[in-house]
Structures are given as structure tokens and as C-alpha cells.
């Protein structure tokens, strides 16, 4: 893995809303206060990130998030927090540690220009609970609706809240469980919400999110 990471990084440095079922906001503008090199961002993504996150940012590996059309400010924040260790992941920290702030902005800006592909919810019964949680929350347990921050169609809000629509349910479930269990601590609001959800509720809302478009 370390050898592969070194090879990929060397290549990079040398380079110039209802769910749909199956039998799984608009693109945010790149940061205006920084001059972006989207060509270099695309080249860097292809060299370093595409193997895990898909050639156009639409991951085909359910454990890895799709990043296409994600808000660039959010992606830059995550990369910086991987680099600093605030968000813990040894693989991502290894890649992020070799990126400058400008590299992060270039790659994130390029990803924002890529079109996200729709996903699918898989469990028609469980997803009813997921819709309830996402759209209305669970008021009797003081669980806020996901839509209040991530928007009713999962498009998120630029700068503040990430796009969720179409994200792999496996990845979303893992992140919610890590927020709940204290393994991921880089978002206090998400830690507070996830702390109140059980495994079934997490699977339900993740499945619903996968089918949002």
C-alpha cells in the first residue's frame, strides 16, 4: 500500500426528492478567492484518487464515497483535517499529507464540476423509516431532520453542509456509526445527531439517502 501510494503521488506531482429503487443543488462554484487550476486538479485526481473514488468522482466501491459534484469547500475542509489528523484515516492521511492547500483546492474545484450519478435505495420497507428520519426527524427523541441541514433533496448547502444525494449506503452508514461511537469527531452537530440513532435507523436513513436525486 505504501509503495502504491508513493507511485501514485509521484505521478501526481509530475502531472501538469424521492428515492429510486433497484433489484443503490446545483454544483457549487469553486472558491472564488483562490485562482484554481482545474486541469491540474483533474490530473491530480486521476493520478492519486481515481482508483478508489472513480475516474469522474463517482465511486464504484461502496465502501468509498462518491465525490463528484460535492461542494469544494467541504472537500478542502476534509482533506485538511485528514492531513492534520483531526479526521482519522491512515490511508487518507498519507495522501493528504503530501498535498498543499492549493493542490486541495484544485482537486476539489475539479470534482465540483463533475456530474454526480444517481444511486438507488434497496430496501422498500426500511427506507420508509429512513424517509421519516431524513425529512422530519424523530421529534419524540429530539432527533432533527437531516433535510434541515442537507436540504430536502440531499443537495446540501455550500460551505456548511455536504451533498449527500446518491451516496453509497454502506459508506453513509459507516460514517454515522463512527460519529455515534466517537471514532469520527470532526463535526459536533453530526456527533450529537448520530448519538441518538440505533443501527436500524442508521441503515434506514443511509438507504434513503442513496436513492435521493
Protein backbone atom coordinates (compact mmCIF):
# COMPACT_ATOMS: atom_id res chain seq x y z
CA UNK A 1 0.00 0.00 0.00
CA UNK A 2 2.81 2.45 0.89
CA UNK A 3 4.60 1.65 -2.37
CA UNK A 4 1.38 2.19 -4.35
CA UNK A 5 0.73 5.48 -2.58
CA UNK A 6 4.29 6.66 -3.35
CA UNK A 7 3.94 5.71 -7.02
CA UNK A 8 0.60 7.45 -7.36
CA UNK A 9 1.84 10.56 -5.62
CA UNK A 10 4.91 10.68 -7.82
CA UNK A 11 2.63 10.57 -10.86
CA UNK A 12 0.53 13.37 -9.41
CA UNK A 13 3.49 15.63 -8.71
CA UNK A 14 4.72 15.11 -12.26
CA UNK A 15 1.34 15.89 -13.83
CA UNK A 16 0.64 19.39 -15.28
CA UNK A 17 -36.91 14.24 -3.68
CA UNK A 18 -37.87 10.63 -3.50
CA UNK A 19 -35.62 7.64 -3.81
CA UNK A 20 -35.46 5.45 -6.86
CA UNK A 21 -35.43 1.71 -6.28
CA UNK A 22 -33.46 -1.12 -7.88
CA UNK A 23 -33.36 -5.30 -7.52
CA UNK A 24 -28.12 1.71 -4.59
CA UNK A 25 -28.06 21.53 -5.63
CA UNK A 26 -26.52 22.50 -8.09
CA UNK A 27 -22.78 22.27 -8.43
CA UNK A 28 -21.08 24.66 -6.04
CA UNK A 29 -18.73 27.13 -7.68
CA UNK A 30 -15.05 26.64 -6.88
CA UNK A 31 -13.68 29.00 -4.24
CA UNK A 32 -13.69 32.47 -5.71
CA UNK A 33 -10.87 33.83 -3.56
CA UNK A 34 -8.26 31.45 -4.98
CA UNK A 35 -7.05 31.01 -8.53
CA UNK A 36 -7.76 27.42 -9.43
CA UNK A 37 -6.01 25.23 -11.95
CA UNK A 38 -8.77 22.76 -12.79
CA UNK A 39 -6.64 20.98 -15.37
CA UNK A 40 -4.04 20.23 -12.71
CA UNK A 41 -6.81 19.30 -10.30
CA UNK A 42 -8.19 16.76 -12.76
CA UNK A 43 -4.73 15.35 -13.46
CA UNK A 44 -4.01 15.08 -9.77
CA UNK A 45 -7.30 13.35 -9.09
CA UNK A 46 -6.70 10.87 -11.91
CA UNK A 47 -3.23 10.04 -10.63
CA UNK A 48 -3.97 9.83 -6.91
CA UNK A 49 -7.68 9.43 -6.22
CA UNK A 50 -9.43 7.75 -9.14
CA UNK A 51 -8.51 4.18 -8.15
CA UNK A 52 -10.67 4.48 -5.03
CA UNK A 53 -13.17 7.20 -5.96
CA UNK A 54 -13.84 6.56 -9.66
CA UNK A 55 -12.43 8.24 -12.76
CA UNK A 56 -15.04 11.02 -12.62
CA UNK A 57 -15.53 11.04 -8.85
CA UNK A 58 -18.39 8.53 -8.95
CA UNK A 59 -17.06 5.66 -6.87
CA UNK A 60 -17.98 2.11 -7.84
CA UNK A 61 -16.70 0.78 -4.50
CA UNK A 62 -19.46 1.03 -1.91
CA UNK A 63 -17.02 1.49 0.98
CA UNK A 64 -15.53 4.57 -0.69
CA UNK A 65 -17.52 7.78 -1.10
CA UNK A 66 -18.52 9.29 -4.39
CA UNK A 67 -17.10 12.81 -4.57
CA UNK A 68 -18.47 14.14 -7.86
CA UNK A 69 -20.43 17.40 -7.55
CA UNK A 70 -19.51 17.73 -3.89
CA UNK A 71 -19.13 21.25 -2.52
CA UNK A 72 -15.42 22.12 -2.87
CA UNK A 73 -15.26 23.95 0.46
CA UNK A 74 -16.37 20.79 2.22
CA UNK A 75 -13.81 18.66 0.40
CA UNK A 76 -10.98 21.06 1.21
CA UNK A 77 -12.00 21.00 4.87
CA UNK A 78 -11.97 17.20 4.95
CA UNK A 79 -8.58 16.98 3.24
CA UNK A 80 -7.07 19.47 5.67
CA UNK A 81 -8.49 17.53 8.60
CA UNK A 82 -7.18 14.23 7.24
CA UNK A 83 -3.77 15.90 6.89
CA UNK A 84 -3.81 17.28 10.43
CA UNK A 85 -5.20 14.09 11.95
CA UNK A 86 -8.40 15.75 13.16
CA UNK A 87 -10.23 13.24 10.97
CA UNK A 88 -8.51 9.91 11.37
CA UNK A 89 -7.85 7.58 8.45
CA UNK A 90 -4.31 6.31 7.87
CA UNK A 91 -4.73 5.90 4.10
CA UNK A 92 -6.29 9.32 3.54
CA UNK A 93 -3.83 10.97 5.91
CA UNK A 94 -0.97 9.55 3.85
CA UNK A 95 -2.32 11.07 0.65
CA UNK A 96 -3.48 14.36 2.17
CA UNK A 97 -0.18 14.95 3.96
CA UNK A 98 1.55 15.32 0.58
CA UNK A 99 -0.97 17.84 -0.78
CA UNK A 100 -0.55 21.60 -0.47
CA UNK A 101 -3.57 23.79 0.21
CA UNK A 102 -3.55 24.76 -3.45
CA UNK A 103 -3.49 21.11 -4.53
CA UNK A 104 -6.54 20.51 -2.33
CA UNK A 105 -8.38 23.47 -3.85
CA UNK A 106 -7.53 22.40 -7.40
CA UNK A 107 -8.74 18.82 -6.91
CA UNK A 108 -11.86 19.89 -5.00
CA UNK A 109 -12.69 22.51 -7.60
CA UNK A 110 -12.38 19.95 -10.38
CA UNK A 111 -14.62 17.47 -8.54
CA UNK A 112 -17.29 20.14 -8.18
CA UNK A 113 -17.52 20.26 -11.98
CA UNK A 114 -18.18 16.53 -12.32
CA UNK A 115 -21.76 15.29 -12.57
CA UNK A 116 -22.91 13.02 -9.75
CA UNK A 117 -24.64 9.83 -10.83
CA UNK A 118 -27.89 8.77 -9.19
CA UNK A 119 -27.92 5.93 -6.69
CA UNK A 120 -30.65 3.59 -5.54
CA UNK A 121 -32.39 2.68 -2.30
CA UNK A 122 -32.63 -1.08 -1.90
CA UNK A 123 -34.98 -1.88 0.98
CA UNK A 124 -38.51 -0.64 0.27
CA UNK A 125 -39.69 -1.32 3.81
CA UNK A 126 -36.71 0.04 5.70
CA UNK A 127 -36.49 3.12 3.51
CA UNK A 128 -39.87 4.33 4.79
CA UNK A 129 -38.26 4.81 8.19
CA UNK A 130 -35.30 6.45 6.51
CA UNK A 131 -37.54 8.95 4.74
CA UNK A 132 -39.23 9.78 8.02
CA UNK A 133 -35.91 10.48 9.72
CA UNK A 134 -34.42 12.40 6.81
CA UNK A 135 -37.42 14.60 6.10
CA UNK A 136 -38.97 15.05 9.53
CA UNK A 137 -36.61 13.72 12.17
CA UNK A 138 -37.83 11.87 15.25
CA UNK A 139 -39.41 14.58 17.35
CA UNK A 140 -40.16 12.37 20.35
CA UNK A 141 -36.39 11.78 20.73
CA UNK A 142 -35.24 15.26 19.70
CA UNK A 143 -33.62 14.00 16.51
CA UNK A 144 -33.54 16.75 13.92
CA UNK A 145 -34.46 16.15 10.29
CA UNK A 146 -31.43 15.59 8.06
CA UNK A 147 -33.12 17.77 5.44
CA UNK A 148 -32.87 20.82 7.69
CA UNK A 149 -29.11 20.94 7.03
CA UNK A 150 -28.62 18.81 3.92
CA UNK A 151 -31.73 20.08 2.07
CA UNK A 152 -34.82 18.00 1.16
CA UNK A 153 -33.18 16.54 -1.97
CA UNK A 154 -29.82 15.91 -0.32
CA UNK A 155 -28.02 18.66 -2.22
CA UNK A 156 -26.56 20.13 0.95
CA UNK A 157 -25.59 23.76 1.48
CA UNK A 158 -22.33 25.11 0.05
CA UNK A 159 -19.58 25.74 2.62
CA UNK A 160 -21.63 24.45 5.55
CA UNK A 161 -23.14 21.03 4.77
CA UNK A 162 -22.10 18.37 2.23
CA UNK A 163 -24.11 16.97 -0.62
CA UNK A 164 -25.49 13.52 0.32
CA UNK A 165 -27.79 12.59 -2.56
CA UNK A 166 -26.89 9.26 -4.15
CA UNK A 167 -24.09 8.46 -1.71
CA UNK A 168 -23.39 4.76 -1.13
CA UNK A 169 -25.46 3.50 1.79
CA UNK A 170 -22.55 1.41 3.09
CA UNK A 171 -20.33 4.49 3.32
CA UNK A 172 -23.02 6.67 4.89
CA UNK A 173 -23.84 4.00 7.47
CA UNK A 174 -20.18 3.66 8.42
CA UNK A 175 -19.75 7.41 8.87
CA UNK A 176 -22.88 7.72 11.01
CA UNK A 177 -21.76 4.85 13.21
CA UNK A 178 -18.31 6.38 13.56
CA UNK A 179 -19.84 9.72 14.57
CA UNK A 180 -22.06 7.91 17.07
CA UNK A 181 -19.27 5.76 18.50
CA UNK A 182 -16.74 8.58 18.79
CA UNK A 183 -14.42 7.31 16.04
CA UNK A 184 -15.05 10.38 13.89
CA UNK A 185 -15.09 13.66 15.74
CA UNK A 186 -14.76 16.46 13.19
CA UNK A 187 -18.41 17.56 13.29
CA UNK A 188 -20.12 18.26 16.59
CA UNK A 189 -23.63 18.53 15.07
CA UNK A 190 -23.26 15.13 13.41
CA UNK A 191 -21.90 13.57 16.59
CA UNK A 192 -24.91 14.88 18.50
CA UNK A 193 -27.43 13.60 15.95
CA UNK A 194 -25.80 10.21 15.37
CA UNK A 195 -25.54 9.59 19.12
CA UNK A 196 -29.34 9.22 19.22
CA UNK A 197 -29.67 6.76 16.32
CA UNK A 198 -29.63 2.97 16.59
CA UNK A 199 -28.17 0.66 13.95
CA UNK A 200 -31.51 0.07 12.22
CA UNK A 201 -32.25 3.78 11.98
CA UNK A 202 -28.80 4.45 10.59
CA UNK A 203 -29.22 1.78 7.92
CA UNK A 204 -32.66 3.15 7.07
CA UNK A 205 -31.62 6.77 6.60
CA UNK A 206 -28.48 5.72 4.69
CA UNK A 207 -30.58 3.65 2.29
CA UNK A 208 -32.98 6.56 1.76
CA UNK A 209 -30.10 8.94 1.06
CA UNK A 210 -28.71 6.54 -1.56
CA UNK A 211 -31.88 6.99 -3.61
CA UNK A 212 -32.14 10.78 -3.39
CA UNK A 213 -31.73 12.72 -6.64
